C-alpha atoms as a PDB file:
ATOM      1  CA  MET A   1     -12.752 -17.662 -20.249  1.00  0.00           C
ATOM      2  CA  LYS A   2     -11.662 -17.323 -16.626  1.00  0.00           C
ATOM      3  CA  SER A   3     -10.887 -13.644 -17.085  1.00  0.00           C
ATOM      4  CA  ILE A   4     -14.367 -12.996 -18.529  1.00  0.00           C
ATOM      5  CA  ILE A   5     -16.012 -14.715 -15.569  1.00  0.00           C
ATOM      6  CA  PHE A   6     -13.757 -12.779 -13.184  1.00  0.00           C
ATOM      7  CA  LEU A   7     -14.687  -9.500 -14.903  1.00  0.00           C
ATOM      8  CA  LEU A   8     -18.416 -10.246 -14.760  1.00  0.00           C
ATOM      9  CA  LEU A   9     -18.254 -11.211 -11.087  1.00  0.00           C
ATOM     10  CA  SER A  10     -16.317  -8.031 -10.303  1.00  0.00           C
ATOM     11  CA  LEU A  11     -18.906  -5.889 -12.066  1.00  0.00           C
ATOM     12  CA  LEU A  12     -21.720  -7.681 -10.225  1.00  0.00           C
ATOM     13  CA  ILE A  13     -20.084  -7.077  -6.853  1.00  0.00           C
ATOM     14  CA  ILE A  14     -19.468  -3.403  -7.646  1.00  0.00           C
ATOM     15  CA  ALA A  15     -23.074  -2.952  -8.817  1.00  0.00           C
ATOM     16  CA  CYS A  16     -24.458  -4.593  -5.680  1.00  0.00           C
ATOM     17  CA  ASN A  17     -22.142  -2.553  -3.479  1.00  0.00           C
ATOM     18  CA  SER A  18     -23.166   0.794  -5.015  1.00  0.00           C
ATOM     19  CA  GLY A  19     -26.853  -0.020  -4.495  1.00  0.00           C
ATOM     20  CA  MET A  20     -26.226  -0.768  -0.821  1.00  0.00           C
ATOM     21  CA  GLU A  21     -24.445   2.557  -0.346  1.00  0.00           C
ATOM     22  CA  SER A  22     -27.392   4.553  -1.710  1.00  0.00           C
ATOM     23  CA  ASP A  23     -29.836   2.646   0.547  1.00  0.00           C
ATOM     24  CA  ILE A  24     -27.664   3.330   3.571  1.00  0.00           C
ATOM     25  CA  LYS A  25     -27.436   7.030   2.742  1.00  0.00           C
ATOM     26  CA  LYS A  26     -31.225   7.291   2.544  1.00  0.00           C
ATOM     27  CA  ASN A  27     -31.771   5.636   5.931  1.00  0.00           C
ATOM     28  CA  VAL A  28     -29.095   7.418   7.984  1.00  0.00           C
ATOM     29  CA  GLU A  29     -29.634  10.796   9.601  1.00  0.00           C
ATOM     30  CA  ALA A  30     -27.064  13.599   9.311  1.00  0.00           C
ATOM     31  CA  GLY A  31     -26.003  13.314  12.954  1.00  0.00           C
ATOM     32  CA  ASP A  32     -25.220   9.636  12.543  1.00  0.00           C
ATOM     33  CA  ILE A  33     -23.024  10.393   9.544  1.00  0.00           C
ATOM     34  CA  GLU A  34     -20.961  12.921  11.518  1.00  0.00           C
ATOM     35  CA  GLU A  35     -20.450  10.404  14.328  1.00  0.00           C
ATOM     36  CA  THR A  36     -19.367   7.756  11.823  1.00  0.00           C
ATOM     37  CA  ASP A  37     -16.882  10.141  10.200  1.00  0.00           C
ATOM     38  CA  ALA A  38     -15.387  10.973  13.584  1.00  0.00           C
ATOM     39  CA  ALA A  39     -15.076   7.273  14.434  1.00  0.00           C
ATOM     40  CA  ALA A  40     -13.454   6.532  11.064  1.00  0.00           C
ATOM     41  CA  GLU A  41     -10.919   9.336  11.565  1.00  0.00           C
ATOM     42  CA  LYS A  42     -10.114   7.952  15.005  1.00  0.00           C
ATOM     43  CA  GLU A  43      -9.583   4.437  13.564  1.00  0.00           C
ATOM     44  CA  LEU A  44      -7.372   5.849  10.793  1.00  0.00           C
ATOM     45  CA  SER A  45      -5.182   7.699  13.267  1.00  0.00           C
ATOM     46  CA  GLU A  46      -4.792   4.476  15.242  1.00  0.00           C
ATOM     47  CA  THR A  47      -3.696   2.459  12.207  1.00  0.00           C
ATOM     48  CA  LEU A  48      -1.227   5.033  10.930  1.00  0.00           C
ATOM     49  CA  PRO A  49       0.332   6.648  14.001  1.00  0.00           C
ATOM     50  CA  ILE A  50       1.624  10.139  13.380  1.00  0.00           C
ATOM     51  CA  THR A  51       4.917  10.805  15.122  1.00  0.00           C
ATOM     52  CA  SER A  52       4.818  14.569  14.578  1.00  0.00           C
ATOM     53  CA  SER A  53       2.560  17.000  12.774  1.00  0.00           C
ATOM     54  CA  THR A  54       4.047  16.128   9.368  1.00  0.00           C
ATOM     55  CA  ASN A  55       5.803  12.761   9.765  1.00  0.00           C
ATOM     56  CA  LEU A  56       4.076   9.402   9.573  1.00  0.00           C
ATOM     57  CA  ASN A  57       5.417   6.166  10.972  1.00  0.00           C
ATOM     58  CA  TYR A  58       7.398   5.304   7.848  1.00  0.00           C
ATOM     59  CA  SER A  59       8.398   1.805   8.927  1.00  0.00           C
ATOM     60  CA  GLU A  60       4.763   0.631   9.089  1.00  0.00           C
ATOM     61  CA  ILE A  61       3.984   2.050   5.659  1.00  0.00           C
ATOM     62  CA  VAL A  62       7.147   0.527   4.183  1.00  0.00           C
ATOM     63  CA  ALA A  63       6.313  -2.848   5.762  1.00  0.00           C
ATOM     64  CA  GLN A  64       2.798  -2.807   4.286  1.00  0.00           C
ATOM     65  CA  LYS A  65       3.975  -1.853   0.798  1.00  0.00           C
ATOM     66  CA  LEU A  66       6.841  -4.366   0.778  1.00  0.00           C
ATOM     67  CA  GLN A  67       4.476  -7.126   1.878  1.00  0.00           C
ATOM     68  CA  GLU A  68       2.070  -6.074  -0.880  1.00  0.00           C
ATOM     69  CA  TYR A  69       4.929  -6.257  -3.398  1.00  0.00           C
ATOM     70  CA  ALA A  70       5.951  -9.736  -2.200  1.00  0.00           C
ATOM     71  CA  ASP A  71       2.330 -10.935  -2.293  1.00  0.00           C
ATOM     72  CA  LEU A  72       1.924  -9.697  -5.870  1.00  0.00           C
ATOM     73  CA  GLN A  73       5.083 -11.550  -6.915  1.00  0.00           C
ATOM     74  CA  SER A  74       3.762 -14.695  -5.272  1.00  0.00           C
ATOM     75  CA  LEU A  75       0.434 -14.321  -7.105  1.00  0.00           C
ATOM     76  CA  ILE A  76       2.256 -14.055 -10.432  1.00  0.00           C
ATOM     77  CA  GLN A  77       3.964 -17.372  -9.719  1.00  0.00           C
ATOM     78  CA  LYS A  78       0.707 -19.081  -8.687  1.00  0.00           C
ATOM     79  CA  HIS A  79      -1.558 -17.592 -11.373  1.00  0.00           C
ATOM     80  CA  PRO A  80       0.404 -16.775 -14.540  1.00  0.00           C
ATOM     81  CA  GLU A  81      -2.857 -16.076 -16.385  1.00  0.00           C
ATOM     82  CA  PHE A  82      -3.124 -12.767 -14.461  1.00  0.00           C
ATOM     83  CA  LYS A  83       0.531 -11.850 -14.998  1.00  0.00           C
ATOM     84  CA  THR A  84      -0.142  -8.749 -17.115  1.00  0.00           C
ATOM     85  CA  ASP A  85      -2.521  -7.160 -14.612  1.00  0.00           C
ATOM     86  CA  LEU A  86      -0.341  -8.036 -11.635  1.00  0.00           C
ATOM     87  CA  GLU A  87       2.769  -6.640 -13.317  1.00  0.00           C
ATOM     88  CA  LEU A  88       0.957  -3.324 -13.768  1.00  0.00           C
ATOM     89  CA  GLN A  89       0.314  -3.257 -10.017  1.00  0.00           C
ATOM     90  CA  LEU A  90       3.969  -4.116  -9.355  1.00  0.00           C
ATOM     91  CA  ALA A  91       5.016  -1.232 -11.603  1.00  0.00           C
ATOM     92  CA  THR A  92       3.144   1.215  -9.366  1.00  0.00           C
ATOM     93  CA  LEU A  93       5.282   0.069  -6.435  1.00  0.00           C
ATOM     94  CA  SER A  94       8.641  -0.044  -8.228  1.00  0.00           C
ATOM     95  CA  SER A  95      10.032   0.696 -11.657  1.00  0.00           C
ATOM     96  CA  ASP A  96      12.457  -2.246 -11.466  1.00  0.00           C
ATOM     97  CA  SER A  97      12.363  -5.741 -10.006  1.00  0.00           C
ATOM     98  CA  ILE A  98      13.454  -5.100  -6.436  1.00  0.00           C
ATOM     99  CA  LEU A  99      12.845  -8.410  -4.679  1.00  0.00           C
ATOM    100  CA  LEU A 100      14.327 -11.761  -5.564  1.00  0.00           C
ATOM    101  CA  GLN A 101      11.830 -14.468  -6.262  1.00  0.00           C
ATOM    102  CA  VAL A 102      11.377 -16.379  -3.016  1.00  0.00           C
ATOM    103  CA  PRO A 103       9.665 -19.725  -3.724  1.00  0.00           C
ATOM    104  CA  SER A 104       7.037 -19.948  -1.024  1.00  0.00           C
ATOM    105  CA  ASP A 105       3.422 -19.271  -0.197  1.00  0.00           C
ATOM    106  CA  SER A 106       4.293 -17.419   2.998  1.00  0.00           C
ATOM    107  CA  ILE A 107       6.758 -14.569   2.672  1.00  0.00           C
ATOM    108  CA  SER A 108       7.324 -12.278   5.624  1.00  0.00           C
ATOM    109  CA  ILE A 109       9.225  -9.029   5.847  1.00  0.00           C
ATOM    110  CA  THR A 110      10.695  -8.107   9.225  1.00  0.00           C
ATOM    111  CA  ASP A 111      13.308  -5.942  10.945  1.00  0.00           C
ATOM    112  CA  ILE A 112      12.810  -2.816   8.854  1.00  0.00           C
ATOM    113  CA  SER A 113      15.327  -0.187   9.890  1.00  0.00           C
ATOM    114  CA  GLN A 114      16.463   3.086   8.408  1.00  0.00           C
ATOM    115  CA  ILE A 115      20.087   2.920   7.210  1.00  0.00           C
ATOM    116  CA  ARG A 116      20.893   6.636   7.110  1.00  0.00           C
ATOM    117  CA  PRO A 117      19.011   9.930   7.391  1.00  0.00           C
ATOM    118  CA  ALA A 118      16.307  10.673   4.858  1.00  0.00           C
ATOM    119  CA  GLU A 119      17.268  12.693   1.810  1.00  0.00           C
ATOM    120  CA  ILE A 120      14.762  15.462   1.126  1.00  0.00           C
ATOM    121  CA  ILE A 121      14.529  15.919  -2.628  1.00  0.00           C
ATOM    122  CA  SER A 122      11.777  18.557  -2.596  1.00  0.00           C
ATOM    123  CA  ASP A 123       8.975  19.673  -0.311  1.00  0.00           C
ATOM    124  CA  THR A 124       6.888  16.709  -1.507  1.00  0.00           C
ATOM    125  CA  VAL A 125       9.496  13.991  -2.226  1.00  0.00           C
ATOM    126  CA  GLU A 126      11.685  12.244   0.319  1.00  0.00           C
ATOM    127  CA  HIS A 127      14.100   9.311  -0.156  1.00  0.00           C
ATOM    128  CA  ILE A 128      14.533   7.023   2.854  1.00  0.00           C
ATOM    129  CA  PRO A 129      17.137   4.236   2.620  1.00  0.00           C
ATOM    130  CA  PHE A 130      16.258   1.207   4.730  1.00  0.00           C
ATOM    131  CA  SER A 131      17.178  -2.423   5.267  1.00  0.00           C
ATOM    132  CA  PHE A 132      14.898  -5.370   5.944  1.00  0.00           C
ATOM    133  CA  ILE A 133      14.867  -9.140   6.249  1.00  0.00           C
ATOM    134  CA  ILE A 134      12.744 -11.133   3.819  1.00  0.00           C
ATOM    135  CA  SER A 135      12.096 -14.692   4.878  1.00  0.00           C
ATOM    136  CA  SER A 136      10.185 -17.765   3.860  1.00  0.00           C
ATOM    137  CA  PRO A 137      10.285 -21.294   5.258  1.00  0.00           C
ATOM    138  CA  THR A 138      13.223 -22.107   2.945  1.00  0.00           C
ATOM    139  CA  VAL A 139      15.136 -18.827   2.471  1.00  0.00           C
ATOM    140  CA  THR A 140      16.065 -15.868   4.679  1.00  0.00           C
ATOM    141  CA  ARG A 141      18.065 -12.909   3.429  1.00  0.00           C
ATOM    142  CA  LYS A 142      18.776  -9.282   4.258  1.00  0.00           C
ATOM    143  CA  ASP A 143      18.280  -6.596   1.632  1.00  0.00           C
ATOM    144  CA  SER A 144      18.126  -2.829   1.358  1.00  0.00           C
ATOM    145  CA  LEU A 145      16.152  -0.394  -0.771  1.00  0.00           C
ATOM    146  CA  ILE A 146      15.200   3.250  -0.995  1.00  0.00           C
ATOM    147  CA  ALA A 147      11.605   4.168  -0.207  1.00  0.00           C
ATOM    148  CA  VAL A 148      10.479   7.181  -2.214  1.00  0.00           C
ATOM    149  CA  PHE A 149       7.726   8.958  -0.266  1.00  0.00           C
ATOM    150  CA  THR A 150       5.650  11.442  -2.230  1.00  0.00           C
ATOM    151  CA  THR A 151       3.210  13.559  -0.247  1.00  0.00           C
ATOM    152  CA  GLN A 152       0.419  15.628  -1.686  1.00  0.00           C
ATOM    153  CA  GLU A 153      -2.337  17.668  -0.095  1.00  0.00           C
ATOM    154  CA  VAL A 154      -5.795  16.760  -1.356  1.00  0.00           C
ATOM    155  CA  GLU A 155      -8.963  18.720  -0.626  1.00  0.00           C
ATOM    156  CA  ILE A 156     -12.084  16.610  -0.148  1.00  0.00           C
ATOM    157  CA  ASP A 157     -15.369  18.244   0.851  1.00  0.00           C
ATOM    158  CA  GLY A 158     -13.562  21.354   2.073  1.00  0.00           C
ATOM    159  CA  GLN A 159     -11.125  19.433   4.292  1.00  0.00           C
ATOM    160  CA  ILE A 160      -7.459  19.035   3.452  1.00  0.00           C
ATOM    161  CA  TYR A 161      -5.959  15.548   3.720  1.00  0.00           C
ATOM    162  CA  VAL A 162      -2.388  14.446   3.119  1.00  0.00           C
ATOM    163  CA  SER A 163      -1.951  11.690   0.546  1.00  0.00           C
ATOM    164  CA  ASN A 164       1.202   9.565   0.831  1.00  0.00           C
ATOM    165  CA  LYS A 165       2.492   7.443  -2.041  1.00  0.00           C
ATOM    166  CA  VAL A 166       5.376   5.018  -1.604  1.00  0.00           C
ATOM    167  CA  THR A 167       7.485   3.515  -4.367  1.00  0.00           C
ATOM    168  CA  PHE A 168      10.730   1.600  -4.116  1.00  0.00           C
ATOM    169  CA  LYS A 169      13.976   1.773  -6.008  1.00  0.00           C
ATOM    170  CA  SER A 170      17.285   0.011  -5.754  1.00  0.00           C
ATOM    171  CA  LEU A 171      19.809   1.387  -3.271  1.00  0.00           C
ATOM    172  CA  SER A 172      22.556   1.221  -5.894  1.00  0.00           C
ATOM    173  CA  GLU A 173      20.899   3.808  -8.181  1.00  0.00           C
END
């Protein structure tokens, strides 16, 4: 029953959101749209600092994805009724269970550092071994993984953007 209510609420929010977007598009002039796009690109470059023309700040991306993974594991423990959906999301981040279950509401991941130089598998795939500290109020431990970065160029409205996907795998593989 809860999942049906959740589904209906999600559909309602999506329907309301799409109606708002069409109203906004009707009321905004073309010049305003260009200014908004430029501001959004500026905000994006501030959140994901580019260290060179092709390299992103990998440690920030790894930190975000690891925190997302830990949060999903925590949600599975709190809400087992959504376990199937949450496990699908976990599978997009890693093919195996990479983090130990840390019993806590607040899990933080800190001190991410690259262990050795990145291994370039192909022009679009790169393996970066790194270590990190995962901590909660009761447990703190150090672990290491391999971040698999997959880059792909995507063309949207005539402009080329670089899409980065991060998955994790065990360092022992």
